Amino acid sequence: MDVTPVLDTTKNSAPRFMDRLGKLCHTGHEVANYLFQVPDDESQWQRLQEIVDGILQEASRTRHKELPRIAEEVRTALQRGTSMLVVEQAMTGFDRMIKIWKAARSGLF
């Protein structure tokens, strides 16, 4: 019986094994995408704030320097209100955090 792992080789695919920081980044990105479609969902705005706080806590335990800075930018944007501009800033921030997290996991830095 041949058991070979199935690898997703698409550009935006997440690694199979994610640590807590990776899960938070991906979940935050999903919530931001949801808020882009349903901007009036207050519970998801609160959830997004909690995810950013979790990323800040996890990133402070590691040697990441960029992740906390980007998470602070997203946190500052979230404090400005619940507008489409804030959602776009959050989506961009989570995209950047995911790329940095993937690069760190691959050993690039």
PDB file of N, CA and C in Angstrom:
ATOM      1  N   MET A   1       0.851  -1.177   0.000  1.00  0.00           N
ATOM      2  CA  MET A   1       0.000   0.000   0.000  1.00  0.00           C
ATOM      3  C   MET A   1       0.894   1.237   0.000  1.00  0.00           C
ATOM      4  N   ASP A   2       0.742   2.065  -0.994  1.00  0.00           N
ATOM      5  CA  ASP A   2       1.552   3.274  -1.137  1.00  0.00           C
ATOM      6  C   ASP A   2       0.802   4.457  -0.540  1.00  0.00           C
ATOM      7  N   VAL A   3       1.400   5.072   0.456  1.00  0.00           N
ATOM      8  CA  VAL A   3       0.791   6.234   1.094  1.00  0.00           C
ATOM      9  C   VAL A   3       1.675   7.433   0.809  1.00  0.00           C
ATOM     10  N   THR A   4       1.222   8.280  -0.087  1.00  0.00           N
ATOM     11  CA  THR A   4       1.981   9.487  -0.403  1.00  0.00           C
ATOM     12  C   THR A   4       1.149  10.693  -0.001  1.00  0.00           C
ATOM     13  N   PRO A   5       1.773  11.667   0.607  1.00  0.00           N
ATOM     14  CA  PRO A   5       1.013  12.850   1.008  1.00  0.00           C
ATOM     15  C   PRO A   5       0.607  13.670  -0.208  1.00  0.00           C
ATOM     16  N   VAL A   6      -0.555  14.221  -0.133  1.00  0.00           N
ATOM     17  CA  VAL A   6      -1.045  15.086  -1.196  1.00  0.00           C
ATOM     18  C   VAL A   6      -0.627  16.507  -0.853  1.00  0.00           C
ATOM     19  N   LEU A   7       0.152  17.088  -1.739  1.00  0.00           N
ATOM     20  CA  LEU A   7       0.622  18.453  -1.509  1.00  0.00           C
ATOM     21  C   LEU A   7      -0.119  19.401  -2.432  1.00  0.00           C
ATOM     22  N   ASP A   8      -0.585  20.468  -1.875  1.00  0.00           N
ATOM     23  CA  ASP A   8      -1.251  21.501  -2.647  1.00  0.00           C
ATOM     24  C   ASP A   8      -0.177  22.477  -3.103  1.00  0.00           C
ATOM     25  N   THR A   9       0.040  22.563  -4.404  1.00  0.00           N
ATOM     26  CA  THR A   9       1.124  23.397  -4.920  1.00  0.00           C
ATOM     27  C   THR A   9       0.637  24.730  -5.463  1.00  0.00           C
ATOM     28  N   THR A  10      -0.583  25.111  -5.170  1.00  0.00           N
ATOM     29  CA  THR A  10      -1.057  26.407  -5.635  1.00  0.00           C
ATOM     30  C   THR A  10      -0.311  27.520  -4.919  1.00  0.00           C
ATOM     31  N   LYS A  11      -0.302  28.666  -5.531  1.00  0.00           N
ATOM     32  CA  LYS A  11       0.493  29.785  -5.025  1.00  0.00           C
ATOM     33  C   LYS A  11       0.093  30.212  -3.613  1.00  0.00           C
ATOM     34  N   ASN A  12      -1.188  30.271  -3.332  1.00  0.00           N
ATOM     35  CA  ASN A  12      -1.653  30.790  -2.048  1.00  0.00           C
ATOM     36  C   ASN A  12      -1.995  29.695  -1.049  1.00  0.00           C
ATOM     37  N   SER A  13      -1.522  28.498  -1.299  1.00  0.00           N
ATOM     38  CA  SER A  13      -1.867  27.420  -0.377  1.00  0.00           C
ATOM     39  C   SER A  13      -1.062  27.542   0.907  1.00  0.00           C
ATOM     40  N   ALA A  14      -1.675  27.129   1.985  1.00  0.00           N
ATOM     41  CA  ALA A  14      -1.022  27.167   3.289  1.00  0.00           C
ATOM     42  C   ALA A  14      -0.261  25.866   3.505  1.00  0.00           C
ATOM     43  N   PRO A  15       0.838  25.912   4.227  1.00  0.00           N
ATOM     44  CA  PRO A  15       1.521  24.663   4.558  1.00  0.00           C
ATOM     45  C   PRO A  15       0.580  23.752   5.340  1.00  0.00           C
ATOM     46  N   ARG A  16       0.797  22.458   5.207  1.00  0.00           N
ATOM     47  CA  ARG A  16      -0.099  21.497   5.857  1.00  0.00           C
ATOM     48  C   ARG A  16      -0.081  21.634   7.367  1.00  0.00           C
ATOM     49  N   PHE A  17       1.082  21.841   7.936  1.00  0.00           N
ATOM     50  CA  PHE A  17       1.205  21.896   9.389  1.00  0.00           C
ATOM     51  C   PHE A  17       1.422  23.340   9.812  1.00  0.00           C
ATOM     52  N   MET A  18       0.419  23.892  10.460  1.00  0.00           N
ATOM     53  CA  MET A  18       0.506  25.284  10.879  1.00  0.00           C
ATOM     54  C   MET A  18       0.628  25.367  12.390  1.00  0.00           C
ATOM     55  N   ASP A  19       1.456  26.280  12.829  1.00  0.00           N
ATOM     56  CA  ASP A  19       1.520  26.564  14.259  1.00  0.00           C
ATOM     57  C   ASP A  19       0.403  27.554  14.595  1.00  0.00           C
ATOM     58  N   ARG A  20       0.351  27.947  15.836  1.00  0.00           N
ATOM     59  CA  ARG A  20      -0.727  28.846  16.282  1.00  0.00           C
ATOM     60  C   ARG A  20      -0.685  30.181  15.543  1.00  0.00           C
ATOM     61  N   LEU A  21       0.507  30.702  15.310  1.00  0.00           N
ATOM     62  CA  LEU A  21       0.638  31.979  14.614  1.00  0.00           C
ATOM     63  C   LEU A  21       0.100  31.881  13.186  1.00  0.00           C
ATOM     64  N   GLY A  22       0.421  30.810  12.502  1.00  0.00           N
ATOM     65  CA  GLY A  22      -0.080  30.613  11.145  1.00  0.00           C
ATOM     66  C   GLY A  22      -1.586  30.479  11.100  1.00  0.00           C
ATOM     67  N   LYS A  23      -2.141  29.743  12.067  1.00  0.00           N
ATOM     68  CA  LYS A  23      -3.598  29.589  12.125  1.00  0.00           C
ATOM     69  C   LYS A  23      -4.275  30.930  12.373  1.00  0.00           C
ATOM     70  N   LEU A  24      -3.693  31.733  13.257  1.00  0.00           N
ATOM     71  CA  LEU A  24      -4.270  33.052  13.532  1.00  0.00           C
ATOM     72  C   LEU A  24      -4.226  33.943  12.293  1.00  0.00           C
ATOM     73  N   CYS A  25      -3.108  33.923  11.579  1.00  0.00           N
ATOM     74  CA  CYS A  25      -2.982  34.747  10.372  1.00  0.00           C
ATOM     75  C   CYS A  25      -4.005  34.331   9.319  1.00  0.00           C
ATOM     76  N   HIS A  26      -4.140  33.027   9.095  1.00  0.00           N
ATOM     77  CA  HIS A  26      -5.088  32.546   8.088  1.00  0.00           C
ATOM     78  C   HIS A  26      -6.534  32.796   8.510  1.00  0.00           C
ATOM     79  N   THR A  27      -6.840  32.601   9.784  1.00  0.00           N
ATOM     80  CA  THR A  27      -8.197  32.864  10.268  1.00  0.00           C
ATOM     81  C   THR A  27      -8.525  34.345  10.145  1.00  0.00           C
ATOM     82  N   GLY A  28      -7.569  35.202  10.489  1.00  0.00           N
ATOM     83  CA  GLY A  28      -7.779  36.642  10.354  1.00  0.00           C
ATOM     84  C   GLY A  28      -8.042  37.044   8.918  1.00  0.00           C
ATOM     85  N   HIS A  29      -7.322  36.434   7.998  1.00  0.00           N
ATOM     86  CA  HIS A  29      -7.529  36.725   6.584  1.00  0.00           C
ATOM     87  C   HIS A  29      -8.928  36.294   6.153  1.00  0.00           C
ATOM     88  N   GLU A  30      -9.370  35.132   6.613  1.00  0.00           N
ATOM     89  CA  GLU A  30     -10.711  34.653   6.273  1.00  0.00           C
ATOM     90  C   GLU A  30     -11.792  35.577   6.847  1.00  0.00           C
ATOM     91  N   VAL A  31     -11.608  36.019   8.080  1.00  0.00           N
ATOM     92  CA  VAL A  31     -12.589  36.920   8.700  1.00  0.00           C
ATOM     93  C   VAL A  31     -12.617  38.258   7.958  1.00  0.00           C
ATOM     94  N   ALA A  32     -11.452  38.765   7.573  1.00  0.00           N
ATOM     95  CA  ALA A  32     -11.408  40.026   6.824  1.00  0.00           C
ATOM     96  C   ALA A  32     -12.108  39.870   5.472  1.00  0.00           C
ATOM     97  N   ASN A  33     -11.908  38.732   4.810  1.00  0.00           N
ATOM     98  CA  ASN A  33     -12.618  38.484   3.551  1.00  0.00           C
ATOM     99  C   ASN A  33     -14.127  38.445   3.772  1.00  0.00           C
ATOM    100  N   TYR A  34     -14.557  37.828   4.862  1.00  0.00           N
ATOM    101  CA  TYR A  34     -15.981  37.779   5.188  1.00  0.00           C
ATOM    102  C   TYR A  34     -16.519  39.195   5.425  1.00  0.00           C
ATOM    103  N   LEU A  35     -15.766  39.995   6.167  1.00  0.00           N
ATOM    104  CA  LEU A  35     -16.212  41.361   6.454  1.00  0.00           C
ATOM    105  C   LEU A  35     -16.258  42.220   5.197  1.00  0.00           C
ATOM    106  N   PHE A  36     -15.479  41.865   4.187  1.00  0.00           N
ATOM    107  CA  PHE A  36     -15.541  42.576   2.921  1.00  0.00           C
ATOM    108  C   PHE A  36     -16.912  42.374   2.285  1.00  0.00           C
ATOM    109  N   GLN A  37     -17.501  41.189   2.513  1.00  0.00           N
ATOM    110  CA  GLN A  37     -18.816  40.881   1.950  1.00  0.00           C
ATOM    111  C   GLN A  37     -19.957  41.302   2.878  1.00  0.00           C
ATOM    112  N   VAL A  38     -19.732  41.186   4.201  1.00  0.00           N
ATOM    113  CA  VAL A  38     -20.771  41.503   5.191  1.00  0.00           C
ATOM    114  C   VAL A  38     -20.177  42.484   6.208  1.00  0.00           C
ATOM    115  N   PRO A  39     -20.058  43.757   5.849  1.00  0.00           N
ATOM    116  CA  PRO A  39     -19.360  44.704   6.733  1.00  0.00           C
ATOM    117  C   PRO A  39     -20.109  45.069   8.015  1.00  0.00           C
ATOM    118  N   ASP A  40     -21.371  44.713   8.143  1.00  0.00           N
ATOM    119  CA  ASP A  40     -22.151  45.107   9.319  1.00  0.00           C
ATOM    120  C   ASP A  40     -22.159  44.066  10.431  1.00  0.00           C
ATOM    121  N   ASP A  41     -21.370  43.020  10.317  1.00  0.00           N
ATOM    122  CA  ASP A  41     -21.362  41.942  11.312  1.00  0.00           C
ATOM    123  C   ASP A  41     -20.434  42.322  12.471  1.00  0.00           C
ATOM    124  N   GLU A  42     -21.005  42.880  13.528  1.00  0.00           N
ATOM    125  CA  GLU A  42     -20.221  43.376  14.672  1.00  0.00           C
ATOM    126  C   GLU A  42     -19.446  42.266  15.381  1.00  0.00           C
ATOM    127  N   SER A  43     -20.030  41.066  15.449  1.00  0.00           N
ATOM    128  CA  SER A  43     -19.331  39.973  16.139  1.00  0.00           C
ATOM    129  C   SER A  43     -18.039  39.609  15.416  1.00  0.00           C
ATOM    130  N   GLN A  44     -18.032  39.708  14.088  1.00  0.00           N
ATOM    131  CA  GLN A  44     -16.818  39.392  13.333  1.00  0.00           C
ATOM    132  C   GLN A  44     -15.776  40.505  13.462  1.00  0.00           C
ATOM    133  N   TRP A  45     -16.231  41.745  13.613  1.00  0.00           N
ATOM    134  CA  TRP A  45     -15.279  42.836  13.873  1.00  0.00           C
ATOM    135  C   TRP A  45     -14.575  42.597  15.200  1.00  0.00           C
ATOM    136  N   GLN A  46     -15.336  42.171  16.204  1.00  0.00           N
ATOM    137  CA  GLN A  46     -14.755  41.861  17.515  1.00  0.00           C
ATOM    138  C   GLN A  46     -13.808  40.668  17.409  1.00  0.00           C
ATOM    139  N   ARG A  47     -14.221  39.669  16.648  1.00  0.00           N
ATOM    140  CA  ARG A  47     -13.372  38.484  16.468  1.00  0.00           C
ATOM    141  C   ARG A  47     -12.055  38.863  15.787  1.00  0.00           C
ATOM    142  N   LEU A  48     -12.133  39.758  14.802  1.00  0.00           N
ATOM    143  CA  LEU A  48     -10.922  40.196  14.114  1.00  0.00           C
ATOM    144  C   LEU A  48      -9.973  40.901  15.080  1.00  0.00           C
ATOM    145  N   GLN A  49     -10.519  41.714  15.969  1.00  0.00           N
ATOM    146  CA  GLN A  49      -9.698  42.389  16.981  1.00  0.00           C
ATOM    147  C   GLN A  49      -9.027  41.360  17.893  1.00  0.00           C
ATOM    148  N   GLU A  50      -9.758  40.325  18.293  1.00  0.00           N
ATOM    149  CA  GLU A  50      -9.191  39.277  19.147  1.00  0.00           C
ATOM    150  C   GLU A  50      -8.092  38.506  18.425  1.00  0.00           C
ATOM    151  N   ILE A  51      -8.266  38.277  17.136  1.00  0.00           N
ATOM    152  CA  ILE A  51      -7.245  37.579  16.352  1.00  0.00           C
ATOM    153  C   ILE A  51      -5.972  38.412  16.287  1.00  0.00           C
ATOM    154  N   VAL A  52      -6.117  39.711  16.051  1.00  0.00           N
ATOM    155  CA  VAL A  52      -4.940  40.592  15.998  1.00  0.00           C
ATOM    156  C   VAL A  52      -4.226  40.595  17.346  1.00  0.00           C
ATOM    157  N   ASP A  53      -4.985  40.638  18.439  1.00  0.00           N
ATOM    158  CA  ASP A  53      -4.369  40.577  19.769  1.00  0.00           C
ATOM    159  C   ASP A  53      -3.622  39.258  19.963  1.00  0.00           C
ATOM    160  N   GLY A  54      -4.201  38.160  19.486  1.00  0.00           N
ATOM    161  CA  GLY A  54      -3.536  36.860  19.575  1.00  0.00           C
ATOM    162  C   GLY A  54      -2.255  36.815  18.765  1.00  0.00           C
ATOM    163  N   ILE A  55      -2.275  37.422  17.582  1.00  0.00           N
ATOM    164  CA  ILE A  55      -1.070  37.474  16.751  1.00  0.00           C
ATOM    165  C   ILE A  55       0.017  38.269  17.457  1.00  0.00           C
ATOM    166  N   LEU A  56      -0.360  39.380  18.072  1.00  0.00           N
ATOM    167  CA  LEU A  56       0.630  40.182  18.799  1.00  0.00           C
ATOM    168  C   LEU A  56       1.250  39.385  19.944  1.00  0.00           C
ATOM    169  N   GLN A  57       0.441  38.621  20.658  1.00  0.00           N
ATOM    170  CA  GLN A  57       0.969  37.809  21.760  1.00  0.00           C
ATOM    171  C   GLN A  57       1.893  36.716  21.245  1.00  0.00           C
ATOM    172  N   GLU A  58       1.475  36.008  20.197  1.00  0.00           N
ATOM    173  CA  GLU A  58       2.291  34.919  19.656  1.00  0.00           C
ATOM    174  C   GLU A  58       3.578  35.445  19.024  1.00  0.00           C
ATOM    175  N   ALA A  59       3.475  36.551  18.302  1.00  0.00           N
ATOM    176  CA  ALA A  59       4.654  37.098  17.627  1.00  0.00           C
ATOM    177  C   ALA A  59       5.670  37.629  18.627  1.00  0.00           C
ATOM    178  N   SER A  60       5.202  38.082  19.787  1.00  0.00           N
ATOM    179  CA  SER A  60       6.141  38.583  20.795  1.00  0.00           C
ATOM    180  C   SER A  60       6.957  37.447  21.409  1.00  0.00           C
ATOM    181  N   ARG A  61       6.452  36.228  21.328  1.00  0.00           N
ATOM    182  CA  ARG A  61       7.180  35.068  21.852  1.00  0.00           C
ATOM    183  C   ARG A  61       8.238  34.561  20.881  1.00  0.00           C
ATOM    184  N   THR A  62       8.166  35.000  19.645  1.00  0.00           N
ATOM    185  CA  THR A  62       9.120  34.564  18.632  1.00  0.00           C
ATOM    186  C   THR A  62      10.086  35.702  18.331  1.00  0.00           C
ATOM    187  N   ARG A  63      10.949  35.467  17.356  1.00  0.00           N
ATOM    188  CA  ARG A  63      11.918  36.495  16.984  1.00  0.00           C
ATOM    189  C   ARG A  63      11.439  37.340  15.809  1.00  0.00           C
ATOM    190  N   HIS A  64      10.171  37.233  15.487  1.00  0.00           N
ATOM    191  CA  HIS A  64       9.644  38.027  14.377  1.00  0.00           C
ATOM    192  C   HIS A  64       9.665  39.504  14.754  1.00  0.00           C
ATOM    193  N   LYS A  65      10.138  40.324  13.829  1.00  0.00           N
ATOM    194  CA  LYS A  65      10.126  41.768  14.060  1.00  0.00           C
ATOM    195  C   LYS A  65       9.054  42.450  13.217  1.00  0.00           C
ATOM    196  N   GLU A  66       8.808  41.908  12.032  1.00  0.00           N
ATOM    197  CA  GLU A  66       7.834  42.521  11.140  1.00  0.00           C
ATOM    198  C   GLU A  66       6.398  42.193  11.519  1.00  0.00           C
ATOM    199  N   LEU A  67       6.140  40.965  11.954  1.00  0.00           N
ATOM    200  CA  LEU A  67       4.765  40.569  12.277  1.00  0.00           C
ATOM    201  C   LEU A  67       4.124  41.460  13.338  1.00  0.00           C
ATOM    202  N   PRO A  68       4.796  41.748  14.455  1.00  0.00           N
ATOM    203  CA  PRO A  68       4.163  42.636  15.435  1.00  0.00           C
ATOM    204  C   PRO A  68       3.907  44.042  14.885  1.00  0.00           C
ATOM    205  N   ARG A  69       4.812  44.519  14.048  1.00  0.00           N
ATOM    206  CA  ARG A  69       4.638  45.859  13.477  1.00  0.00           C
ATOM    207  C   ARG A  69       3.415  45.900  12.562  1.00  0.00           C
ATOM    208  N   ILE A  70       3.261  44.885  11.726  1.00  0.00           N
ATOM    209  CA  ILE A  70       2.109  44.835  10.822  1.00  0.00           C
ATOM    210  C   ILE A  70       0.821  44.635  11.616  1.00  0.00           C
ATOM    211  N   ALA A  71       0.869  43.782  12.639  1.00  0.00           N
ATOM    212  CA  ALA A  71      -0.314  43.558  13.477  1.00  0.00           C
ATOM    213  C   ALA A  71      -0.723  44.850  14.187  1.00  0.00           C
ATOM    214  N   GLU A  72       0.247  45.645  14.607  1.00  0.00           N
ATOM    215  CA  GLU A  72      -0.069  46.940  15.226  1.00  0.00           C
ATOM    216  C   GLU A  72      -0.737  47.873  14.221  1.00  0.00           C
ATOM    217  N   GLU A  73      -0.276  47.837  12.963  1.00  0.00           N
ATOM    218  CA  GLU A  73      -0.912  48.651  11.926  1.00  0.00           C
ATOM    219  C   GLU A  73      -2.371  48.239  11.737  1.00  0.00           C
ATOM    220  N   VAL A  74      -2.617  46.921  11.729  1.00  0.00           N
ATOM    221  CA  VAL A  74      -3.988  46.427  11.572  1.00  0.00           C
ATOM    222  C   VAL A  74      -4.821  46.811  12.791  1.00  0.00           C
ATOM    223  N   ARG A  75      -4.242  46.699  13.970  1.00  0.00           N
ATOM    224  CA  ARG A  75      -4.961  47.070  15.199  1.00  0.00           C
ATOM    225  C   ARG A  75      -5.340  48.553  15.174  1.00  0.00           C
ATOM    226  N   THR A  76      -4.412  49.397  14.751  1.00  0.00           N
ATOM    227  CA  THR A  76      -4.685  50.832  14.651  1.00  0.00           C
ATOM    228  C   THR A  76      -5.806  51.098  13.649  1.00  0.00           C
ATOM    229  N   ALA A  77      -5.776  50.389  12.529  1.00  0.00           N
ATOM    230  CA  ALA A  77      -6.838  50.557  11.531  1.00  0.00           C
ATOM    231  C   ALA A  77      -8.186  50.123  12.092  1.00  0.00           C
ATOM    232  N   LEU A  78      -8.205  49.036  12.853  1.00  0.00           N
ATOM    233  CA  LEU A  78      -9.464  48.545  13.425  1.00  0.00           C
ATOM    234  C   LEU A  78     -10.042  49.518  14.443  1.00  0.00           C
ATOM    235  N   GLN A  79      -9.194  50.292  15.087  1.00  0.00           N
ATOM    236  CA  GLN A  79      -9.670  51.261  16.071  1.00  0.00           C
ATOM    237  C   GLN A  79     -10.325  52.469  15.413  1.00  0.00           C
ATOM    238  N   ARG A  80     -10.109  52.639  14.122  1.00  0.00           N
ATOM    239  CA  ARG A  80     -10.677  53.786  13.405  1.00  0.00           C
ATOM    240  C   ARG A  80     -12.155  53.615  13.094  1.00  0.00           C
ATOM    241  N   GLY A  81     -12.642  52.387  13.138  1.00  0.00           N
ATOM    242  CA  GLY A  81     -14.061  52.171  12.848  1.00  0.00           C
ATOM    243  C   GLY A  81     -14.276  50.948  11.990  1.00  0.00           C
ATOM    244  N   THR A  82     -15.490  50.858  11.451  1.00  0.00           N
ATOM    245  CA  THR A  82     -15.872  49.691  10.663  1.00  0.00           C
ATOM    246  C   THR A  82     -16.247  50.122   9.254  1.00  0.00           C
ATOM    247  N   SER A  83     -15.263  50.452   8.459  1.00  0.00           N
ATOM    248  CA  SER A  83     -15.516  50.886   7.089  1.00  0.00           C
ATOM    249  C   SER A  83     -14.845  49.926   6.109  1.00  0.00           C
ATOM    250  N   MET A  84     -15.173  50.075   4.848  1.00  0.00           N
ATOM    251  CA  MET A  84     -14.567  49.230   3.818  1.00  0.00           C
ATOM    252  C   MET A  84     -13.070  49.500   3.702  1.00  0.00           C
ATOM    253  N   LEU A  85     -12.645  50.724   3.935  1.00  0.00           N
ATOM    254  CA  LEU A  85     -11.221  51.036   3.906  1.00  0.00           C
ATOM    255  C   LEU A  85     -10.479  50.252   4.986  1.00  0.00           C
ATOM    256  N   VAL A  86     -11.069  50.145   6.162  1.00  0.00           N
ATOM    257  CA  VAL A  86     -10.459  49.388   7.256  1.00  0.00           C
ATOM    258  C   VAL A  86     -10.378  47.912   6.887  1.00  0.00           C
ATOM    259  N   VAL A  87     -11.421  47.390   6.245  1.00  0.00           N
ATOM    260  CA  VAL A  87     -11.402  45.985   5.821  1.00  0.00           C
ATOM    261  C   VAL A  87     -10.278  45.758   4.819  1.00  0.00           C
ATOM    262  N   GLU A  88     -10.126  46.660   3.860  1.00  0.00           N
ATOM    263  CA  GLU A  88      -9.061  46.526   2.869  1.00  0.00           C
ATOM    264  C   GLU A  88      -7.686  46.593   3.524  1.00  0.00           C
ATOM    265  N   GLN A  89      -7.515  47.485   4.490  1.00  0.00           N
ATOM    266  CA  GLN A  89      -6.241  47.565   5.204  1.00  0.00           C
ATOM    267  C   GLN A  89      -5.979  46.287   5.987  1.00  0.00           C
ATOM    268  N   ALA A  90      -7.014  45.726   6.599  1.00  0.00           N
ATOM    269  CA  ALA A  90      -6.859  44.479   7.346  1.00  0.00           C
ATOM    270  C   ALA A  90      -6.499  43.335   6.403  1.00  0.00           C
ATOM    271  N   MET A  91      -7.165  43.253   5.253  1.00  0.00           N
ATOM    272  CA  MET A  91      -6.862  42.190   4.293  1.00  0.00           C
ATOM    273  C   MET A  91      -5.424  42.294   3.804  1.00  0.00           C
ATOM    274  N   THR A  92      -4.986  43.503   3.501  1.00  0.00           N
ATOM    275  CA  THR A  92      -3.606  43.707   3.060  1.00  0.00           C
ATOM    276  C   THR A  92      -2.628  43.335   4.165  1.00  0.00           C
ATOM    277  N   GLY A  93      -2.932  43.730   5.390  1.00  0.00           N
ATOM    278  CA  GLY A  93      -2.068  43.393   6.521  1.00  0.00           C
ATOM    279  C   GLY A  93      -1.967  41.895   6.734  1.00  0.00           C
ATOM    280  N   PHE A  94      -3.094  41.193   6.663  1.00  0.00           N
ATOM    281  CA  PHE A  94      -3.064  39.741   6.842  1.00  0.00           C
ATOM    282  C   PHE A  94      -2.345  39.056   5.691  1.00  0.00           C
ATOM    283  N   ASP A  95      -2.494  39.570   4.464  1.00  0.00           N
ATOM    284  CA  ASP A  95      -1.731  39.023   3.340  1.00  0.00           C
ATOM    285  C   ASP A  95      -0.236  39.122   3.615  1.00  0.00           C
ATOM    286  N   ARG A  96       0.195  40.282   4.073  1.00  0.00           N
ATOM    287  CA  ARG A  96       1.616  40.486   4.374  1.00  0.00           C
ATOM    288  C   ARG A  96       2.080  39.578   5.507  1.00  0.00           C
ATOM    289  N   MET A  97       1.253  39.444   6.565  1.00  0.00           N
ATOM    290  CA  MET A  97       1.640  38.588   7.689  1.00  0.00           C
ATOM    291  C   MET A  97       1.741  37.125   7.268  1.00  0.00           C
ATOM    292  N   ILE A  98       0.831  36.675   6.404  1.00  0.00           N
ATOM    293  CA  ILE A  98       0.883  35.289   5.931  1.00  0.00           C
ATOM    294  C   ILE A  98       2.149  35.057   5.123  1.00  0.00           C
ATOM    295  N   LYS A  99       2.507  35.997   4.257  1.00  0.00           N
ATOM    296  CA  LYS A  99       3.724  35.842   3.457  1.00  0.00           C
ATOM    297  C   LYS A  99       4.965  35.793   4.343  1.00  0.00           C
ATOM    298  N   ILE A 100       5.016  36.645   5.345  1.00  0.00           N
ATOM    299  CA  ILE A 100       6.162  36.641   6.263  1.00  0.00           C
ATOM    300  C   ILE A 100       6.199  35.347   7.056  1.00  0.00           C
ATOM    301  N   TRP A 101       5.048  34.886   7.518  1.00  0.00           N
ATOM    302  CA  TRP A 101       4.989  33.635   8.280  1.00  0.00           C
ATOM    303  C   TRP A 101       5.446  32.461   7.418  1.00  0.00           C
ATOM    304  N   LYS A 102       4.978  32.411   6.148  1.00  0.00           N
ATOM    305  CA  LYS A 102       5.393  31.328   5.250  1.00  0.00           C
ATOM    306  C   LYS A 102       6.895  31.378   4.991  1.00  0.00           C
ATOM    307  N   ALA A 103       7.425  32.579   4.794  1.00  0.00           N
ATOM    308  CA  ALA A 103       8.860  32.710   4.547  1.00  0.00           C
ATOM    309  C   ALA A 103       9.660  32.250   5.761  1.00  0.00           C
ATOM    310  N   ALA A 104       9.198  32.590   6.943  1.00  0.00           N
ATOM    311  CA  ALA A 104       9.894  32.162   8.162  1.00  0.00           C
ATOM    312  C   ALA A 104       9.821  30.651   8.321  1.00  0.00           C
ATOM    313  N   ARG A 105       8.691  30.058   7.983  1.00  0.00           N
ATOM    314  CA  ARG A 105       8.541  28.603   8.094  1.00  0.00           C
ATOM    315  C   ARG A 105       9.414  27.877   7.078  1.00  0.00           C
ATOM    316  N   SER A 106       9.651  28.499   5.931  1.00  0.00           N
ATOM    317  CA  SER A 106      10.450  27.841   4.901  1.00  0.00           C
ATOM    318  C   SER A 106      11.940  27.988   5.156  1.00  0.00           C
ATOM    319  N   GLY A 107      12.314  28.841   6.093  1.00  0.00           N
ATOM    320  CA  GLY A 107      13.722  29.027   6.412  1.00  0.00           C
ATOM    321  C   GLY A 107      14.383  30.153   5.648  1.00  0.00           C
ATOM    322  N   LEU A 108      13.608  30.971   4.944  1.00  0.00           N
ATOM    323  CA  LEU A 108      14.203  32.077   4.199  1.00  0.00           C
ATOM    324  C   LEU A 108      14.801  33.131   5.109  1.00  0.00           C
ATOM    325  N   PHE A 109      14.199  33.305   6.285  1.00  0.00           N
ATOM    326  CA  PHE A 109      14.787  34.225   7.261  1.00  0.00           C
ATOM    327  C   PHE A 109      14.362  33.851   8.640  1.00  0.00           C
TER     328      PHE A 109
END
